[in-house]
PDB file of N, CA and C in Angstrom:
ATOM      1  N   MET A   1     -37.454-148.429 124.935  1.00  0.00           N
ATOM      2  CA  MET A   1     -36.596-147.478 125.619  1.00  0.00           C
ATOM      3  C   MET A   1     -35.141-147.928 125.444  1.00  0.00           C
ATOM      4  N   ASP A   2     -34.270-147.008 125.127  1.00  0.00           N
ATOM      5  CA  ASP A   2     -32.864-147.360 124.932  1.00  0.00           C
ATOM      6  C   ASP A   2     -32.187-147.625 126.275  1.00  0.00           C
ATOM      7  N   GLN A   3     -31.057-148.301 126.219  1.00  0.00           N
ATOM      8  CA  GLN A   3     -30.377-148.730 127.442  1.00  0.00           C
ATOM      9  C   GLN A   3     -29.984-147.555 128.326  1.00  0.00           C
ATOM     10  N   GLU A   4     -29.543-146.469 127.741  1.00  0.00           N
ATOM     11  CA  GLU A   4     -29.147-145.304 128.539  1.00  0.00           C
ATOM     12  C   GLU A   4     -30.329-144.773 129.351  1.00  0.00           C
ATOM     13  N   SER A   5     -31.487-144.725 128.736  1.00  0.00           N
ATOM     14  CA  SER A   5     -32.687-144.263 129.448  1.00  0.00           C
ATOM     15  C   SER A   5     -33.074-145.223 130.559  1.00  0.00           C
ATOM     16  N   VAL A   6     -32.947-146.512 130.288  1.00  0.00           N
ATOM     17  CA  VAL A   6     -33.271-147.527 131.285  1.00  0.00           C
ATOM     18  C   VAL A   6     -32.355-147.387 132.491  1.00  0.00           C
ATOM     19  N   VAL A   7     -31.070-147.242 132.234  1.00  0.00           N
ATOM     20  CA  VAL A   7     -30.096-147.101 133.310  1.00  0.00           C
ATOM     21  C   VAL A   7     -30.373-145.832 134.114  1.00  0.00           C
ATOM     22  N   MET A   8     -30.697-144.753 133.435  1.00  0.00           N
ATOM     23  CA  MET A   8     -30.988-143.508 134.141  1.00  0.00           C
ATOM     24  C   MET A   8     -32.240-143.633 134.996  1.00  0.00           C
ATOM     25  N   GLU A   9     -33.218-144.399 134.551  1.00  0.00           N
ATOM     26  CA  GLU A   9     -34.422-144.633 135.356  1.00  0.00           C
ATOM     27  C   GLU A   9     -34.082-145.355 136.652  1.00  0.00           C
ATOM     28  N   ILE A  10     -33.175-146.319 136.576  1.00  0.00           N
ATOM     29  CA  ILE A  10     -32.741-147.013 137.792  1.00  0.00           C
ATOM     30  C   ILE A  10     -32.066-146.017 138.732  1.00  0.00           C
ATOM     31  N   ILE A  11     -31.149-145.220 138.198  1.00  0.00           N
ATOM     32  CA  ILE A  11     -30.402-144.261 139.017  1.00  0.00           C
ATOM     33  C   ILE A  11     -31.337-143.225 139.638  1.00  0.00           C
ATOM     34  N   VAL A  12     -32.255-142.694 138.853  1.00  0.00           N
ATOM     35  CA  VAL A  12     -33.176-141.662 139.352  1.00  0.00           C
ATOM     36  C   VAL A  12     -34.071-142.216 140.458  1.00  0.00           C
ATOM     37  N   ASN A  13     -34.650-143.393 140.223  1.00  0.00           N
ATOM     38  CA  ASN A  13     -35.533-143.975 141.230  1.00  0.00           C
ATOM     39  C   ASN A  13     -34.778-144.380 142.489  1.00  0.00           C
ATOM     40  N   ALA A  14     -33.599-144.950 142.323  1.00  0.00           N
ATOM     41  CA  ALA A  14     -32.794-145.318 143.485  1.00  0.00           C
ATOM     42  C   ALA A  14     -32.347-144.067 144.244  1.00  0.00           C
ATOM     43  N   GLY A  15     -31.986-143.035 143.519  1.00  0.00           N
ATOM     44  CA  GLY A  15     -31.570-141.784 144.156  1.00  0.00           C
ATOM     45  C   GLY A  15     -32.700-141.146 144.946  1.00  0.00           C
ATOM     46  N   GLU A  16     -33.889-141.147 144.378  1.00  0.00           N
ATOM     47  CA  GLU A  16     -35.050-140.600 145.079  1.00  0.00           C
ATOM     48  C   GLU A  16     -35.339-141.423 146.334  1.00  0.00           C
ATOM     49  N   ALA A  17     -35.255-142.735 146.208  1.00  0.00           N
ATOM     50  CA  ALA A  17     -35.490-143.608 147.351  1.00  0.00           C
ATOM     51  C   ALA A  17     -34.478-143.346 148.451  1.00  0.00           C
ATOM     52  N   ARG A  18     -33.234-143.179 148.077  1.00  0.00           N
ATOM     53  CA  ARG A  18     -32.180-142.926 149.066  1.00  0.00           C
ATOM     54  C   ARG A  18     -32.446-141.611 149.808  1.00  0.00           C
ATOM     55  N   SER A  19     -32.809-140.578 149.080  1.00  0.00           N
ATOM     56  CA  SER A  19     -33.130-139.290 149.700  1.00  0.00           C
ATOM     57  C   SER A  19     -34.297-139.433 150.672  1.00  0.00           C
ATOM     58  N   LEU A  20     -35.313-140.188 150.282  1.00  0.00           N
ATOM     59  CA  LEU A  20     -36.471-140.398 151.143  1.00  0.00           C
ATOM     60  C   LEU A  20     -36.106-141.191 152.398  1.00  0.00           C
ATOM     61  N   CYS A  21     -35.170-142.126 152.280  1.00  0.00           N
ATOM     62  CA  CYS A  21     -34.714-142.882 153.459  1.00  0.00           C
ATOM     63  C   CYS A  21     -34.063-141.959 154.478  1.00  0.00           C
ATOM     64  N   PHE A  22     -33.220-141.069 154.010  1.00  0.00           N
ATOM     65  CA  PHE A  22     -32.547-140.156 154.935  1.00  0.00           C
ATOM     66  C   PHE A  22     -33.515-139.089 155.458  1.00  0.00           C
ATOM     67  N   GLU A  23     -34.505-138.756 154.648  1.00  0.00           N
ATOM     68  CA  GLU A  23     -35.566-137.862 155.118  1.00  0.00           C
ATOM     69  C   GLU A  23     -36.339-138.541 156.258  1.00  0.00           C
ATOM     70  N   ALA A  24     -36.603-139.824 156.106  1.00  0.00           N
ATOM     71  CA  ALA A  24     -37.301-140.590 157.150  1.00  0.00           C
ATOM     72  C   ALA A  24     -36.500-140.594 158.446  1.00  0.00           C
ATOM     73  N   LEU A  25     -35.211-140.776 158.339  1.00  0.00           N
ATOM     74  CA  LEU A  25     -34.368-140.765 159.544  1.00  0.00           C
ATOM     75  C   LEU A  25     -34.391-139.402 160.231  1.00  0.00           C
ATOM     76  N   ALA A  26     -34.348-138.353 159.446  1.00  0.00           N
ATOM     77  CA  ALA A  26     -34.394-137.002 160.019  1.00  0.00           C
ATOM     78  C   ALA A  26     -35.725-136.775 160.728  1.00  0.00           C
ATOM     79  N   LYS A  27     -36.807-137.237 160.132  1.00  0.00           N
ATOM     80  CA  LYS A  27     -38.126-137.096 160.754  1.00  0.00           C
ATOM     81  C   LYS A  27     -38.204-137.910 162.038  1.00  0.00           C
ATOM     82  N   ALA A  28     -37.662-139.103 162.016  1.00  0.00           N
ATOM     83  CA  ALA A  28     -37.681-139.948 163.212  1.00  0.00           C
ATOM     84  C   ALA A  28     -36.910-139.292 164.365  1.00  0.00           C
ATOM     85  N   ARG A  29     -35.790-138.652 164.051  1.00  0.00           N
ATOM     86  CA  ARG A  29     -35.015-137.956 165.088  1.00  0.00           C
ATOM     87  C   ARG A  29     -35.824-136.830 165.724  1.00  0.00           C
ATOM     88  N   LYS A  30     -36.755-136.265 164.942  1.00  0.00           N
ATOM     89  CA  LYS A  30     -37.617-135.191 165.454  1.00  0.00           C
ATOM     90  C   LYS A  30     -38.889-135.753 166.092  1.00  0.00           C
ATOM     91  N   HIS A  31     -38.918-137.075 166.272  1.00  0.00           N
ATOM     92  CA  HIS A  31     -40.067-137.766 166.870  1.00  0.00           C
ATOM     93  C   HIS A  31     -41.299-137.739 165.967  1.00  0.00           C
ATOM     94  N   GLU A  32     -41.105-137.578 164.671  1.00  0.00           N
ATOM     95  CA  GLU A  32     -42.199-137.590 163.692  1.00  0.00           C
ATOM     96  C   GLU A  32     -42.247-138.971 163.025  1.00  0.00           C
ATOM     97  N   VAL A  33     -42.560-139.981 163.824  1.00  0.00           N
ATOM     98  CA  VAL A  33     -42.478-141.367 163.365  1.00  0.00           C
ATOM     99  C   VAL A  33     -43.470-141.655 162.248  1.00  0.00           C
ATOM    100  N   LEU A  34     -44.689-141.152 162.360  1.00  0.00           N
ATOM    101  CA  LEU A  34     -45.688-141.395 161.319  1.00  0.00           C
ATOM    102  C   LEU A  34     -45.233-140.811 159.985  1.00  0.00           C
ATOM    103  N   ALA A  35     -44.689-139.603 160.022  1.00  0.00           N
ATOM    104  CA  ALA A  35     -44.175-138.976 158.808  1.00  0.00           C
ATOM    105  C   ALA A  35     -42.971-139.753 158.266  1.00  0.00           C
ATOM    106  N   ALA A  36     -42.142-140.250 159.180  1.00  0.00           N
ATOM    107  CA  ALA A  36     -40.978-141.051 158.769  1.00  0.00           C
ATOM    108  C   ALA A  36     -41.426-142.311 158.044  1.00  0.00           C
ATOM    109  N   LYS A  37     -42.457-142.949 158.583  1.00  0.00           N
ATOM    110  CA  LYS A  37     -42.975-144.151 157.923  1.00  0.00           C
ATOM    111  C   LYS A  37     -43.537-143.826 156.546  1.00  0.00           C
ATOM    112  N   GLY A  38     -44.125-142.651 156.408  1.00  0.00           N
ATOM    113  CA  GLY A  38     -44.626-142.211 155.100  1.00  0.00           C
ATOM    114  C   GLY A  38     -43.492-142.055 154.098  1.00  0.00           C
ATOM    115  N   SER A  39     -42.394-141.488 154.548  1.00  0.00           N
ATOM    116  CA  SER A  39     -41.224-141.331 153.674  1.00  0.00           C
ATOM    117  C   SER A  39     -40.656-142.690 153.277  1.00  0.00           C
ATOM    118  N   LEU A  40     -40.636-143.623 154.227  1.00  0.00           N
ATOM    119  CA  LEU A  40     -40.148-144.973 153.912  1.00  0.00           C
ATOM    120  C   LEU A  40     -41.057-145.673 152.911  1.00  0.00           C
ATOM    121  N   LYS A  41     -42.345-145.438 153.023  1.00  0.00           N
ATOM    122  CA  LYS A  41     -43.292-146.029 152.071  1.00  0.00           C
ATOM    123  C   LYS A  41     -43.040-145.476 150.662  1.00  0.00           C
ATOM    124  N   GLN A  42     -42.849-144.173 150.575  1.00  0.00           N
ATOM    125  CA  GLN A  42     -42.541-143.558 149.282  1.00  0.00           C
ATOM    126  C   GLN A  42     -41.223-144.110 148.730  1.00  0.00           C
ATOM    127  N   ALA A  43     -40.246-144.275 149.603  1.00  0.00           N
ATOM    128  CA  ALA A  43     -38.946-144.815 149.187  1.00  0.00           C
ATOM    129  C   ALA A  43     -39.115-146.221 148.622  1.00  0.00           C
ATOM    130  N   LYS A  44     -39.942-147.014 149.272  1.00  0.00           N
ATOM    131  CA  LYS A  44     -40.174-148.385 148.810  1.00  0.00           C
ATOM    132  C   LYS A  44     -40.818-148.391 147.427  1.00  0.00           C
ATOM    133  N   GLU A  45     -41.714-147.459 147.180  1.00  0.00           N
ATOM    134  CA  GLU A  45     -42.338-147.355 145.860  1.00  0.00           C
ATOM    135  C   GLU A  45     -41.295-147.038 144.792  1.00  0.00           C
ATOM    136  N   CYS A  46     -40.384-146.140 145.097  1.00  0.00           N
ATOM    137  CA  CYS A  46     -39.296-145.817 144.161  1.00  0.00           C
ATOM    138  C   CYS A  46     -38.398-147.033 143.939  1.00  0.00           C
ATOM    139  N   LEU A  47     -38.081-147.723 145.018  1.00  0.00           N
ATOM    140  CA  LEU A  47     -37.251-148.927 144.902  1.00  0.00           C
ATOM    141  C   LEU A  47     -37.942-149.996 144.067  1.00  0.00           C
ATOM    142  N   ASN A  48     -39.245-150.132 144.246  1.00  0.00           N
ATOM    143  CA  ASN A  48     -39.985-151.115 143.450  1.00  0.00           C
ATOM    144  C   ASN A  48     -39.911-150.789 141.960  1.00  0.00           C
ATOM    145  N   ARG A  49     -40.009-149.501 141.626  1.00  0.00           N
ATOM    146  CA  ARG A  49     -39.898-149.102 140.209  1.00  0.00           C
ATOM    147  C   ARG A  49     -38.504-149.439 139.671  1.00  0.00           C
ATOM    148  N   ALA A  50     -37.479-149.100 140.442  1.00  0.00           N
ATOM    149  CA  ALA A  50     -36.106-149.372 140.005  1.00  0.00           C
ATOM    150  C   ALA A  50     -35.870-150.875 139.887  1.00  0.00           C
ATOM    151  N   HIS A  51     -36.386-151.637 140.816  1.00  0.00           N
ATOM    152  CA  HIS A  51     -36.193-153.085 140.797  1.00  0.00           C
ATOM    153  C   HIS A  51     -36.915-153.720 139.611  1.00  0.00           C
ATOM    154  N   LEU A  52     -38.087-153.202 139.278  1.00  0.00           N
ATOM    155  CA  LEU A  52     -38.812-153.703 138.112  1.00  0.00           C
ATOM    156  C   LEU A  52     -38.002-153.494 136.839  1.00  0.00           C
ATOM    157  N   ILE A  53     -37.397-152.333 136.714  1.00  0.00           N
ATOM    158  CA  ILE A  53     -36.557-152.047 135.548  1.00  0.00           C
ATOM    159  C   ILE A  53     -35.368-153.003 135.521  1.00  0.00           C
ATOM    160  N   GLN A  54     -34.737-153.200 136.679  1.00  0.00           N
ATOM    161  CA  GLN A  54     -33.614-154.120 136.769  1.00  0.00           C
ATOM    162  C   GLN A  54     -34.040-155.532 136.363  1.00  0.00           C
ATOM    163  N   THR A  55     -35.191-155.965 136.821  1.00  0.00           N
ATOM    164  CA  THR A  55     -35.701-157.298 136.490  1.00  0.00           C
ATOM    165  C   THR A  55     -35.906-157.440 134.987  1.00  0.00           C
ATOM    166  N   ARG A  56     -36.421-156.409 134.361  1.00  0.00           N
ATOM    167  CA  ARG A  56     -36.611-156.438 132.901  1.00  0.00           C
ATOM    168  C   ARG A  56     -35.274-156.567 132.176  1.00  0.00           C
ATOM    169  N   LEU A  57     -34.248-155.880 132.691  1.00  0.00           N
ATOM    170  CA  LEU A  57     -32.915-156.000 132.098  1.00  0.00           C
ATOM    171  C   LEU A  57     -32.388-157.430 132.240  1.00  0.00           C
ATOM    172  N   ILE A  58     -32.576-158.002 133.407  1.00  0.00           N
ATOM    173  CA  ILE A  58     -32.116-159.374 133.645  1.00  0.00           C
ATOM    174  C   ILE A  58     -32.841-160.342 132.715  1.00  0.00           C
ATOM    175  N   GLU A  59     -34.137-160.146 132.568  1.00  0.00           N
ATOM    176  CA  GLU A  59     -34.915-161.005 131.668  1.00  0.00           C
ATOM    177  C   GLU A  59     -34.453-160.859 130.220  1.00  0.00           C
ATOM    178  N   ALA A  60     -34.161-159.629 129.817  1.00  0.00           N
ATOM    179  CA  ALA A  60     -33.702-159.392 128.441  1.00  0.00           C
ATOM    180  C   ALA A  60     -32.339-160.029 128.192  1.00  0.00           C
ATOM    181  N   ASP A  61     -31.514-160.044 129.217  1.00  0.00           N
ATOM    182  CA  ASP A  61     -30.167-160.601 129.082  1.00  0.00           C
ATOM    183  C   ASP A  61     -30.189-162.130 129.050  1.00  0.00           C
ATOM    184  N   GLN A  62     -31.065-162.726 129.820  1.00  0.00           N
ATOM    185  CA  GLN A  62     -31.211-164.184 129.892  1.00  0.00           C
ATOM    186  C   GLN A  62     -29.896-164.892 130.235  1.00  0.00           C
ATOM    187  N   GLY A  63     -29.021-164.210 130.959  1.00  0.00           N
ATOM    188  CA  GLY A  63     -27.759-164.826 131.355  1.00  0.00           C
ATOM    189  C   GLY A  63     -26.809-165.095 130.205  1.00  0.00           C
ATOM    190  N   GLU A  64     -27.061-164.466 129.072  1.00  0.00           N
ATOM    191  CA  GLU A  64     -26.256-164.733 127.878  1.00  0.00           C
ATOM    192  C   GLU A  64     -25.455-163.529 127.411  1.00  0.00           C
ATOM    193  N   GLY A  65     -25.408-162.476 128.201  1.00  0.00           N
ATOM    194  CA  GLY A  65     -24.637-161.303 127.811  1.00  0.00           C
ATOM    195  C   GLY A  65     -25.275-160.493 126.700  1.00  0.00           C
ATOM    196  N   LYS A  66     -26.600-160.552 126.580  1.00  0.00           N
ATOM    197  CA  LYS A  66     -27.301-159.813 125.526  1.00  0.00           C
ATOM    198  C   LYS A  66     -27.385-158.316 125.828  1.00  0.00           C
ATOM    199  N   VAL A  67     -27.359-157.973 127.106  1.00  0.00           N
ATOM    200  CA  VAL A  67     -27.415-156.571 127.509  1.00  0.00           C
ATOM    201  C   VAL A  67     -25.987-156.071 127.686  1.00  0.00           C
ATOM    202  N   LYS A  68     -25.663-155.005 126.974  1.00  0.00           N
ATOM    203  CA  LYS A  68     -24.321-154.439 127.029  1.00  0.00           C
ATOM    204  C   LYS A  68     -24.026-153.900 128.433  1.00  0.00           C
ATOM    205  N   MET A  69     -22.910-154.314 128.997  1.00  0.00           N
ATOM    206  CA  MET A  69     -22.511-153.859 130.325  1.00  0.00           C
ATOM    207  C   MET A  69     -21.592-152.646 130.174  1.00  0.00           C
ATOM    208  N   THR A  70     -21.984-151.561 130.794  1.00  0.00           N
ATOM    209  CA  THR A  70     -21.198-150.331 130.750  1.00  0.00           C
ATOM    210  C   THR A  70     -20.907-149.892 132.179  1.00  0.00           C
ATOM    211  N   LEU A  71     -20.013-148.950 132.317  1.00  0.00           N
ATOM    212  CA  LEU A  71     -19.692-148.418 133.639  1.00  0.00           C
ATOM    213  C   LEU A  71     -20.930-147.771 134.267  1.00  0.00           C
ATOM    214  N   VAL A  72     -21.735-147.118 133.453  1.00  0.00           N
ATOM    215  CA  VAL A  72     -22.946-146.487 133.968  1.00  0.00           C
ATOM    216  C   VAL A  72     -23.940-147.548 134.442  1.00  0.00           C
ATOM    217  N   MET A  73     -24.003-148.668 133.737  1.00  0.00           N
ATOM    218  CA  MET A  73     -24.873-149.766 134.160  1.00  0.00           C
ATOM    219  C   MET A  73     -24.411-150.315 135.513  1.00  0.00           C
ATOM    220  N   VAL A  74     -23.116-150.492 135.665  1.00  0.00           N
ATOM    221  CA  VAL A  74     -22.567-150.974 136.938  1.00  0.00           C
ATOM    222  C   VAL A  74     -22.887-149.971 138.046  1.00  0.00           C
ATOM    223  N   HIS A  75     -22.737-148.693 137.739  1.00  0.00           N
ATOM    224  CA  HIS A  75     -23.048-147.644 138.714  1.00  0.00           C
ATOM    225  C   HIS A  75     -24.517-147.724 139.132  1.00  0.00           C
ATOM    226  N   ALA A  76     -25.397-147.908 138.175  1.00  0.00           N
ATOM    227  CA  ALA A  76     -26.831-147.988 138.466  1.00  0.00           C
ATOM    228  C   ALA A  76     -27.135-149.170 139.372  1.00  0.00           C
ATOM    229  N   GLN A  77     -26.525-150.305 139.080  1.00  0.00           N
ATOM    230  CA  GLN A  77     -26.744-151.499 139.893  1.00  0.00           C
ATOM    231  C   GLN A  77     -26.215-151.290 141.316  1.00  0.00           C
ATOM    232  N   ASP A  78     -25.050-150.674 141.418  1.00  0.00           N
ATOM    233  CA  ASP A  78     -24.455-150.391 142.722  1.00  0.00           C
ATOM    234  C   ASP A  78     -25.332-149.426 143.511  1.00  0.00           C
ATOM    235  N   HIS A  79     -25.809-148.406 142.834  1.00  0.00           N
ATOM    236  CA  HIS A  79     -26.668-147.400 143.464  1.00  0.00           C
ATOM    237  C   HIS A  79     -27.945-148.052 143.995  1.00  0.00           C
ATOM    238  N   LEU A  80     -28.541-148.923 143.195  1.00  0.00           N
ATOM    239  CA  LEU A  80     -29.752-149.611 143.607  1.00  0.00           C
ATOM    240  C   LEU A  80     -29.482-150.512 144.815  1.00  0.00           C
ATOM    241  N   MET A  81     -28.414-151.277 144.752  1.00  0.00           N
ATOM    242  CA  MET A  81     -28.095-152.214 145.823  1.00  0.00           C
ATOM    243  C   MET A  81     -27.852-151.478 147.150  1.00  0.00           C
ATOM    244  N   THR A  82     -27.102-150.395 147.113  1.00  0.00           N
ATOM    245  CA  THR A  82     -26.820-149.678 148.358  1.00  0.00           C
ATOM    246  C   THR A  82     -28.071-148.978 148.884  1.00  0.00           C
ATOM    247  N   THR A  83     -28.941-148.572 147.993  1.00  0.00           N
ATOM    248  CA  THR A  83     -30.179-147.926 148.428  1.00  0.00           C
ATOM    249  C   THR A  83     -31.134-148.936 149.052  1.00  0.00           C
ATOM    250  N   ILE A  84     -31.154-150.153 148.537  1.00  0.00           N
ATOM    251  CA  ILE A  84     -31.968-151.202 149.161  1.00  0.00           C
ATOM    252  C   ILE A  84     -31.489-151.416 150.589  1.00  0.00           C
ATOM    253  N   LEU A  85     -30.192-151.461 150.779  1.00  0.00           N
ATOM    254  CA  LEU A  85     -29.632-151.608 152.125  1.00  0.00           C
ATOM    255  C   LEU A  85     -29.985-150.405 152.998  1.00  0.00           C
ATOM    256  N   ALA A  86     -29.876-149.214 152.440  1.00  0.00           N
ATOM    257  CA  ALA A  86     -30.219-148.008 153.207  1.00  0.00           C
ATOM    258  C   ALA A  86     -31.679-148.063 153.649  1.00  0.00           C
ATOM    259  N   HIS A  87     -32.547-148.531 152.777  1.00  0.00           N
ATOM    260  CA  HIS A  87     -33.972-148.627 153.117  1.00  0.00           C
ATOM    261  C   HIS A  87     -34.194-149.624 154.252  1.00  0.00           C
ATOM    262  N   GLU A  88     -33.535-150.762 154.163  1.00  0.00           N
ATOM    263  CA  GLU A  88     -33.681-151.772 155.218  1.00  0.00           C
ATOM    264  C   GLU A  88     -33.197-151.231 156.564  1.00  0.00           C
ATOM    265  N   LEU A  89     -32.053-150.574 156.560  1.00  0.00           N
ATOM    266  CA  LEU A  89     -31.510-150.016 157.798  1.00  0.00           C
ATOM    267  C   LEU A  89     -32.370-148.873 158.324  1.00  0.00           C
ATOM    268  N   ALA A  90     -32.828-147.996 157.446  1.00  0.00           N
ATOM    269  CA  ALA A  90     -33.673-146.879 157.874  1.00  0.00           C
ATOM    270  C   ALA A  90     -34.975-147.395 158.464  1.00  0.00           C
ATOM    271  N   THR A  91     -35.526-148.438 157.874  1.00  0.00           N
ATOM    272  CA  THR A  91     -36.756-149.028 158.405  1.00  0.00           C
ATOM    273  C   THR A  91     -36.544-149.523 159.832  1.00  0.00           C
ATOM    274  N   GLU A  92     -35.433-150.189 160.059  1.00  0.00           N
ATOM    275  CA  GLU A  92     -35.123-150.677 161.410  1.00  0.00           C
ATOM    276  C   GLU A  92     -34.894-149.517 162.376  1.00  0.00           C
ATOM    277  N   MET A  93     -34.221-148.485 161.923  1.00  0.00           N
ATOM    278  CA  MET A  93     -33.925-147.355 162.803  1.00  0.00           C
ATOM    279  C   MET A  93     -35.185-146.567 163.155  1.00  0.00           C
ATOM    280  N   VAL A  94     -36.086-146.422 162.210  1.00  0.00           N
ATOM    281  CA  VAL A  94     -37.353-145.744 162.504  1.00  0.00           C
ATOM    282  C   VAL A  94     -38.139-146.566 163.522  1.00  0.00           C
ATOM    283  N   ALA A  95     -38.131-147.881 163.350  1.00  0.00           N
ATOM    284  CA  ALA A  95     -38.814-148.755 164.310  1.00  0.00           C
ATOM    285  C   ALA A  95     -38.204-148.609 165.707  1.00  0.00           C
ATOM    286  N   MET A  96     -36.889-148.482 165.789  1.00  0.00           N
ATOM    287  CA  MET A  96     -36.240-148.284 167.095  1.00  0.00           C
ATOM    288  C   MET A  96     -36.658-146.953 167.714  1.00  0.00           C
ATOM    289  N   HIS A  97     -36.695-145.891 166.894  1.00  0.00           N
ATOM    290  CA  HIS A  97     -37.152-144.593 167.404  1.00  0.00           C
ATOM    291  C   HIS A  97     -38.573-144.710 167.936  1.00  0.00           C
ATOM    292  N   GLU A  98     -39.403-145.421 167.208  1.00  0.00           N
ATOM    293  CA  GLU A  98     -40.787-145.587 167.627  1.00  0.00           C
ATOM    294  C   GLU A  98     -40.872-146.303 168.982  1.00  0.00           C
ATOM    295  N   ARG A  99     -40.099-147.354 169.128  1.00  0.00           N
ATOM    296  CA  ARG A  99     -40.114-148.107 170.388  1.00  0.00           C
ATOM    297  C   ARG A  99     -39.594-147.260 171.547  1.00  0.00           C
ATOM    298  N   LEU A 100     -38.574-146.464 171.294  1.00  0.00           N
ATOM    299  CA  LEU A 100     -38.037-145.598 172.346  1.00  0.00           C
ATOM    300  C   LEU A 100     -39.054-144.546 172.772  1.00  0.00           C
ATOM    301  N   LEU A 101     -39.824-144.058 171.813  1.00  0.00           N
ATOM    302  CA  LEU A 101     -40.824-143.043 172.136  1.00  0.00           C
ATOM    303  C   LEU A 101     -41.985-143.612 172.942  1.00  0.00           C
ATOM    304  N   GLU A 102     -42.221-144.912 172.799  1.00  0.00           N
ATOM    305  CA  GLU A 102     -43.305-145.575 173.522  1.00  0.00           C
ATOM    306  C   GLU A 102     -42.987-145.708 175.007  1.00  0.00           C
ATOM    307  N   LYS A 103     -41.724-145.634 175.355  1.00  0.00           N
ATOM    308  CA  LYS A 103     -41.318-145.854 176.761  1.00  0.00           C
ATOM    309  C   LYS A 103     -41.381-144.585 177.567  1.00  0.00           C
TER     310      LYS A 103
END
């Protein structure tokens, strides 16, 4: 797979994960905690795919600059990193909604 396709796979998977995280938050606000957890699970699967691709790029580079760095590559990495954070925060927020509903 060429580098452009690899980068787009990271962006697509991270983007899907991000959408699912915000979908989970919307469901949690509606007291649909089980559905929210389902969305978070799907988001994690997307993140795992994106992270696997990123890991392959890192392995190919071997810290020697073998992988060409482009603005789109930087964007993909940034998108992935912020989506990982969004997933972590959404997971905590869904858990808080769940605890509030238990009371």
